[in-house]
Amino acid sequence: MDGDLDEITRAELIEREPCPWCGAPPGSVCRANSGVVAVDHHTGLYGKIPTLKSGPAIRIPAARGPGRTWQPGPEPGLDPELLARAGDRIGYARVSSKGQDLAG
């Protein structure tokens, strides 16, 4: 784990992704089965972030209210640099059927 990142910065990095375990949307902390804010972020979530992948469980900061009733957080803003990218192409592929004319 990167020692330069403080508790809130780590939480913000983790919370940019939806949680695959509890279904918390981006911008929200993980929730426990009981409907309260979890104490730790779920492993499947912070495992996606290279700087946080190896290391101990990452606790939810006290400012995020672990143990209190879970409420969805604000959706994270989009990075203007990502919006400025141009030239990316997204393609698709399809499977042709046996009887299809491929001449066209």
N, C-alpha and C. Protein backbone atom coordinates (compact mmCIF):
# COMPACT_ATOMS: atom_id res chain seq x y z
N MET A 1 0.84 -1.17 0.00
CA MET A 1 0.00 0.00 0.00
C MET A 1 0.89 1.23 0.00
N ASP A 2 0.48 2.27 -0.70
CA ASP A 2 1.25 3.49 -0.84
C ASP A 2 1.13 4.30 0.45
N GLY A 3 2.27 4.52 1.13
CA GLY A 3 2.27 5.23 2.39
C GLY A 3 2.00 6.72 2.25
N ASP A 4 2.10 7.28 1.02
CA ASP A 4 1.91 8.70 0.81
C ASP A 4 0.42 9.10 0.79
N LEU A 5 -0.46 8.14 0.64
CA LEU A 5 -1.88 8.46 0.55
C LEU A 5 -2.50 8.47 1.94
N ASP A 6 -3.24 9.54 2.26
CA ASP A 6 -3.90 9.59 3.56
C ASP A 6 -5.21 8.81 3.52
N GLU A 7 -5.84 8.68 4.65
CA GLU A 7 -7.05 7.88 4.81
C GLU A 7 -8.17 8.33 3.88
N ILE A 8 -8.42 9.62 3.78
CA ILE A 8 -9.51 10.15 2.95
C ILE A 8 -9.20 9.94 1.47
N THR A 9 -7.95 10.15 1.05
CA THR A 9 -7.57 9.96 -0.35
C THR A 9 -7.75 8.51 -0.76
N ARG A 10 -7.35 7.58 0.09
CA ARG A 10 -7.55 6.15 -0.21
C ARG A 10 -9.04 5.85 -0.34
N ALA A 11 -9.85 6.40 0.56
CA ALA A 11 -11.30 6.17 0.51
C ALA A 11 -11.88 6.72 -0.80
N GLU A 12 -11.43 7.90 -1.22
CA GLU A 12 -11.94 8.49 -2.46
C GLU A 12 -11.55 7.64 -3.67
N LEU A 13 -10.34 7.10 -3.67
CA LEU A 13 -9.93 6.22 -4.77
C LEU A 13 -10.80 4.97 -4.83
N ILE A 14 -11.03 4.38 -3.68
CA ILE A 14 -11.82 3.16 -3.60
C ILE A 14 -13.26 3.41 -4.02
N GLU A 15 -13.82 4.52 -3.59
CA GLU A 15 -15.24 4.79 -3.81
C GLU A 15 -15.56 5.27 -5.22
N ARG A 16 -14.57 5.35 -6.10
CA ARG A 16 -14.86 5.70 -7.50
C ARG A 16 -15.50 4.54 -8.26
N GLU A 17 -15.35 3.34 -7.72
CA GLU A 17 -15.87 2.13 -8.37
C GLU A 17 -17.10 1.62 -7.62
N PRO A 18 -18.03 0.99 -8.32
CA PRO A 18 -19.13 0.33 -7.59
C PRO A 18 -18.60 -0.91 -6.89
N CYS A 19 -19.15 -1.23 -5.75
CA CYS A 19 -18.69 -2.41 -5.00
C CYS A 19 -19.34 -3.67 -5.56
N PRO A 20 -18.53 -4.65 -5.98
CA PRO A 20 -19.10 -5.88 -6.53
C PRO A 20 -19.75 -6.76 -5.46
N TRP A 21 -19.45 -6.54 -4.20
CA TRP A 21 -19.99 -7.40 -3.15
C TRP A 21 -21.31 -6.87 -2.61
N CYS A 22 -21.35 -5.60 -2.21
CA CYS A 22 -22.57 -5.06 -1.58
C CYS A 22 -23.42 -4.23 -2.54
N GLY A 23 -22.89 -3.92 -3.72
CA GLY A 23 -23.66 -3.15 -4.69
C GLY A 23 -23.68 -1.66 -4.44
N ALA A 24 -22.83 -1.15 -3.56
CA ALA A 24 -22.79 0.30 -3.32
C ALA A 24 -22.36 1.00 -4.61
N PRO A 25 -23.08 2.05 -5.01
CA PRO A 25 -22.75 2.74 -6.26
C PRO A 25 -21.48 3.58 -6.13
N PRO A 26 -20.90 4.02 -7.26
CA PRO A 26 -19.72 4.89 -7.19
C PRO A 26 -20.01 6.12 -6.33
N GLY A 27 -19.05 6.51 -5.51
CA GLY A 27 -19.20 7.66 -4.63
C GLY A 27 -19.73 7.31 -3.26
N SER A 28 -20.07 6.04 -3.04
CA SER A 28 -20.63 5.60 -1.76
C SER A 28 -19.70 4.63 -1.06
N VAL A 29 -19.80 4.60 0.26
CA VAL A 29 -19.03 3.63 1.04
C VAL A 29 -19.73 2.28 0.98
N CYS A 30 -19.00 1.23 1.36
CA CYS A 30 -19.58 -0.11 1.39
C CYS A 30 -20.59 -0.21 2.52
N ARG A 31 -21.54 -1.10 2.35
CA ARG A 31 -22.55 -1.29 3.39
C ARG A 31 -22.54 -2.74 3.86
N ALA A 32 -22.93 -2.92 5.09
CA ALA A 32 -23.02 -4.25 5.68
C ALA A 32 -24.41 -4.83 5.39
N ASN A 33 -24.58 -6.13 5.61
CA ASN A 33 -25.87 -6.77 5.39
C ASN A 33 -26.98 -6.17 6.25
N SER A 34 -26.61 -5.60 7.38
CA SER A 34 -27.60 -5.03 8.29
C SER A 34 -28.09 -3.65 7.86
N GLY A 35 -27.51 -3.09 6.79
CA GLY A 35 -27.95 -1.78 6.30
C GLY A 35 -27.20 -0.61 6.89
N VAL A 36 -26.09 -0.86 7.55
CA VAL A 36 -25.28 0.22 8.09
C VAL A 36 -23.99 0.33 7.27
N VAL A 37 -23.28 1.44 7.45
CA VAL A 37 -21.99 1.62 6.80
C VAL A 37 -21.01 0.58 7.35
N ALA A 38 -20.34 -0.14 6.46
CA ALA A 38 -19.38 -1.17 6.88
C ALA A 38 -18.17 -0.53 7.56
N VAL A 39 -17.41 -1.35 8.27
CA VAL A 39 -16.21 -0.87 8.95
C VAL A 39 -15.03 -0.85 7.97
N ASP A 40 -14.95 -1.84 7.09
CA ASP A 40 -13.88 -1.93 6.08
C ASP A 40 -14.50 -1.92 4.69
N HIS A 41 -13.73 -1.41 3.72
CA HIS A 41 -14.15 -1.54 2.33
C HIS A 41 -14.01 -3.01 1.93
N HIS A 42 -14.87 -3.49 1.06
CA HIS A 42 -14.80 -4.89 0.66
C HIS A 42 -13.59 -5.13 -0.24
N THR A 43 -12.93 -6.25 -0.02
CA THR A 43 -11.67 -6.58 -0.70
C THR A 43 -11.79 -6.53 -2.21
N GLY A 44 -12.88 -7.01 -2.77
CA GLY A 44 -13.05 -7.01 -4.22
C GLY A 44 -13.04 -5.61 -4.81
N LEU A 45 -13.36 -4.62 -4.00
CA LEU A 45 -13.41 -3.25 -4.47
C LEU A 45 -12.02 -2.63 -4.55
N TYR A 46 -11.24 -2.68 -3.48
CA TYR A 46 -9.93 -2.02 -3.52
C TYR A 46 -8.90 -2.87 -4.23
N GLY A 47 -9.22 -4.11 -4.52
CA GLY A 47 -8.32 -4.95 -5.30
C GLY A 47 -8.18 -4.47 -6.74
N LYS A 48 -9.12 -3.62 -7.21
CA LYS A 48 -9.07 -3.10 -8.58
C LYS A 48 -8.08 -1.94 -8.73
N ILE A 49 -7.59 -1.39 -7.63
CA ILE A 49 -6.74 -0.20 -7.66
C ILE A 49 -5.30 -0.62 -7.39
N PRO A 50 -4.42 -0.50 -8.40
CA PRO A 50 -3.05 -1.01 -8.26
C PRO A 50 -2.30 -0.49 -7.03
N THR A 51 -2.44 0.79 -6.68
CA THR A 51 -1.69 1.33 -5.54
C THR A 51 -2.20 0.81 -4.21
N LEU A 52 -3.41 0.24 -4.19
CA LEU A 52 -3.99 -0.24 -2.95
C LEU A 52 -4.15 -1.76 -2.91
N LYS A 53 -3.81 -2.43 -4.03
CA LYS A 53 -4.08 -3.85 -4.17
C LYS A 53 -3.42 -4.71 -3.11
N SER A 54 -2.15 -4.49 -2.86
CA SER A 54 -1.46 -5.31 -1.87
C SER A 54 -1.41 -4.55 -0.55
N GLY A 55 -1.80 -5.21 0.48
CA GLY A 55 -1.79 -4.58 1.79
C GLY A 55 -2.99 -5.03 2.60
N PRO A 56 -3.08 -4.53 3.81
CA PRO A 56 -4.17 -4.93 4.69
C PRO A 56 -5.51 -4.33 4.25
N ALA A 57 -6.58 -4.78 4.89
CA ALA A 57 -7.91 -4.23 4.62
C ALA A 57 -7.89 -2.73 4.87
N ILE A 58 -8.62 -2.01 4.07
CA ILE A 58 -8.65 -0.56 4.20
C ILE A 58 -9.92 -0.17 4.94
N ARG A 59 -9.74 0.42 6.09
CA ARG A 59 -10.87 0.79 6.93
C ARG A 59 -11.57 2.02 6.37
N ILE A 60 -12.85 2.11 6.61
CA ILE A 60 -13.63 3.28 6.20
C ILE A 60 -13.34 4.39 7.20
N PRO A 61 -12.98 5.60 6.71
CA PRO A 61 -12.65 6.70 7.63
C PRO A 61 -13.81 7.03 8.56
N ALA A 62 -13.49 7.48 9.76
CA ALA A 62 -14.50 7.83 10.75
C ALA A 62 -15.45 8.91 10.21
N ALA A 63 -14.95 9.78 9.34
CA ALA A 63 -15.78 10.84 8.78
C ALA A 63 -16.89 10.27 7.89
N ARG A 64 -16.73 9.03 7.41
CA ARG A 64 -17.74 8.40 6.55
C ARG A 64 -18.83 7.70 7.36
N GLY A 65 -18.66 7.64 8.68
CA GLY A 65 -19.70 7.13 9.58
C GLY A 65 -19.87 5.63 9.65
N PRO A 66 -18.78 4.85 9.84
CA PRO A 66 -18.99 3.41 9.99
C PRO A 66 -19.92 3.09 11.15
N GLY A 67 -20.86 2.18 10.92
CA GLY A 67 -21.82 1.80 11.95
C GLY A 67 -23.12 2.58 11.90
N ARG A 68 -23.14 3.73 11.20
CA ARG A 68 -24.38 4.49 11.05
C ARG A 68 -25.19 3.95 9.88
N THR A 69 -26.44 4.32 9.79
CA THR A 69 -27.30 3.89 8.69
C THR A 69 -26.70 4.32 7.37
N TRP A 70 -26.64 3.39 6.40
CA TRP A 70 -26.03 3.65 5.11
C TRP A 70 -26.91 4.56 4.26
N GLN A 71 -26.31 5.54 3.64
CA GLN A 71 -26.96 6.43 2.68
C GLN A 71 -26.06 6.51 1.47
N PRO A 72 -26.60 6.54 0.25
CA PRO A 72 -25.73 6.67 -0.92
C PRO A 72 -25.02 8.02 -0.91
N GLY A 73 -23.78 8.01 -1.33
CA GLY A 73 -22.99 9.24 -1.37
C GLY A 73 -23.15 9.94 -2.71
N PRO A 74 -22.53 11.10 -2.86
CA PRO A 74 -22.61 11.82 -4.14
C PRO A 74 -21.83 11.07 -5.21
N GLU A 75 -22.33 11.09 -6.41
CA GLU A 75 -21.64 10.42 -7.51
C GLU A 75 -20.35 11.18 -7.80
N PRO A 76 -19.23 10.46 -7.98
CA PRO A 76 -17.97 11.15 -8.23
C PRO A 76 -18.01 11.91 -9.55
N GLY A 77 -17.34 13.07 -9.59
CA GLY A 77 -17.29 13.87 -10.80
C GLY A 77 -16.42 13.21 -11.86
N LEU A 78 -16.69 13.54 -13.11
CA LEU A 78 -15.89 13.01 -14.20
C LEU A 78 -14.60 13.81 -14.34
N ASP A 79 -13.53 13.13 -14.61
CA ASP A 79 -12.23 13.76 -14.79
C ASP A 79 -12.23 14.49 -16.14
N PRO A 80 -12.01 15.83 -16.15
CA PRO A 80 -12.02 16.57 -17.41
C PRO A 80 -11.01 16.03 -18.43
N GLU A 81 -9.90 15.46 -17.95
CA GLU A 81 -8.90 14.91 -18.85
C GLU A 81 -9.47 13.72 -19.63
N LEU A 82 -10.30 12.92 -18.95
CA LEU A 82 -10.92 11.78 -19.63
C LEU A 82 -11.91 12.24 -20.69
N LEU A 83 -12.61 13.34 -20.39
CA LEU A 83 -13.58 13.86 -21.35
C LEU A 83 -12.90 14.47 -22.56
N ALA A 84 -11.67 14.96 -22.42
CA ALA A 84 -10.97 15.63 -23.51
C ALA A 84 -10.33 14.65 -24.49
N ARG A 85 -10.22 13.38 -24.14
CA ARG A 85 -9.59 12.41 -25.02
C ARG A 85 -10.38 12.30 -26.31
N ALA A 86 -9.68 12.17 -27.38
CA ALA A 86 -10.34 12.02 -28.68
C ALA A 86 -9.62 10.93 -29.46
N GLY A 87 -10.30 10.38 -30.44
CA GLY A 87 -9.68 9.40 -31.32
C GLY A 87 -9.88 7.97 -30.88
N ASP A 88 -10.51 7.74 -29.75
CA ASP A 88 -10.77 6.37 -29.34
C ASP A 88 -11.89 5.80 -30.20
N ARG A 89 -11.73 4.57 -30.60
CA ARG A 89 -12.77 3.91 -31.38
C ARG A 89 -13.22 2.67 -30.63
N ILE A 90 -14.50 2.51 -30.63
CA ILE A 90 -15.06 1.31 -30.02
C ILE A 90 -15.72 0.54 -31.15
N GLY A 91 -15.31 -0.70 -31.29
CA GLY A 91 -15.85 -1.51 -32.37
C GLY A 91 -16.70 -2.63 -31.83
N TYR A 92 -17.22 -3.40 -32.75
CA TYR A 92 -18.01 -4.55 -32.34
C TYR A 92 -17.74 -5.68 -33.33
N ALA A 93 -18.08 -6.85 -32.92
CA ALA A 93 -17.93 -8.02 -33.78
C ALA A 93 -19.24 -8.80 -33.72
N ARG A 94 -19.50 -9.54 -34.75
CA ARG A 94 -20.69 -10.38 -34.74
C ARG A 94 -20.37 -11.70 -35.41
N VAL A 95 -21.15 -12.67 -35.11
CA VAL A 95 -20.98 -14.00 -35.69
C VAL A 95 -21.94 -14.13 -36.85
N SER A 96 -21.43 -14.56 -37.98
CA SER A 96 -22.28 -14.73 -39.15
C SER A 96 -22.89 -16.14 -39.14
N SER A 97 -24.05 -16.22 -39.72
CA SER A 97 -24.70 -17.54 -39.81
C SER A 97 -24.19 -18.28 -41.04
N LYS A 98 -24.38 -19.59 -41.09
CA LYS A 98 -23.87 -20.40 -42.19
C LYS A 98 -24.45 -19.98 -43.54
N GLY A 99 -25.72 -19.64 -43.57
CA GLY A 99 -26.36 -19.33 -44.84
C GLY A 99 -26.26 -17.88 -45.26
N GLN A 100 -25.53 -17.07 -44.53
CA GLN A 100 -25.47 -15.63 -44.83
C GLN A 100 -24.51 -15.37 -45.99
N ASP A 101 -24.92 -14.44 -46.88
CA ASP A 101 -24.08 -14.02 -47.99
C ASP A 101 -23.07 -13.01 -47.47
N LEU A 102 -21.79 -13.34 -47.54
CA LEU A 102 -20.74 -12.47 -47.01
C LEU A 102 -20.12 -11.59 -48.09
N ALA A 103 -20.64 -11.59 -49.30
CA ALA A 103 -20.06 -10.84 -50.40
C ALA A 103 -20.13 -9.33 -50.13
N GLY A 104 -21.16 -8.89 -49.47
CA GLY A 104 -21.33 -7.45 -49.23
C GLY A 104 -20.38 -6.95 -48.22
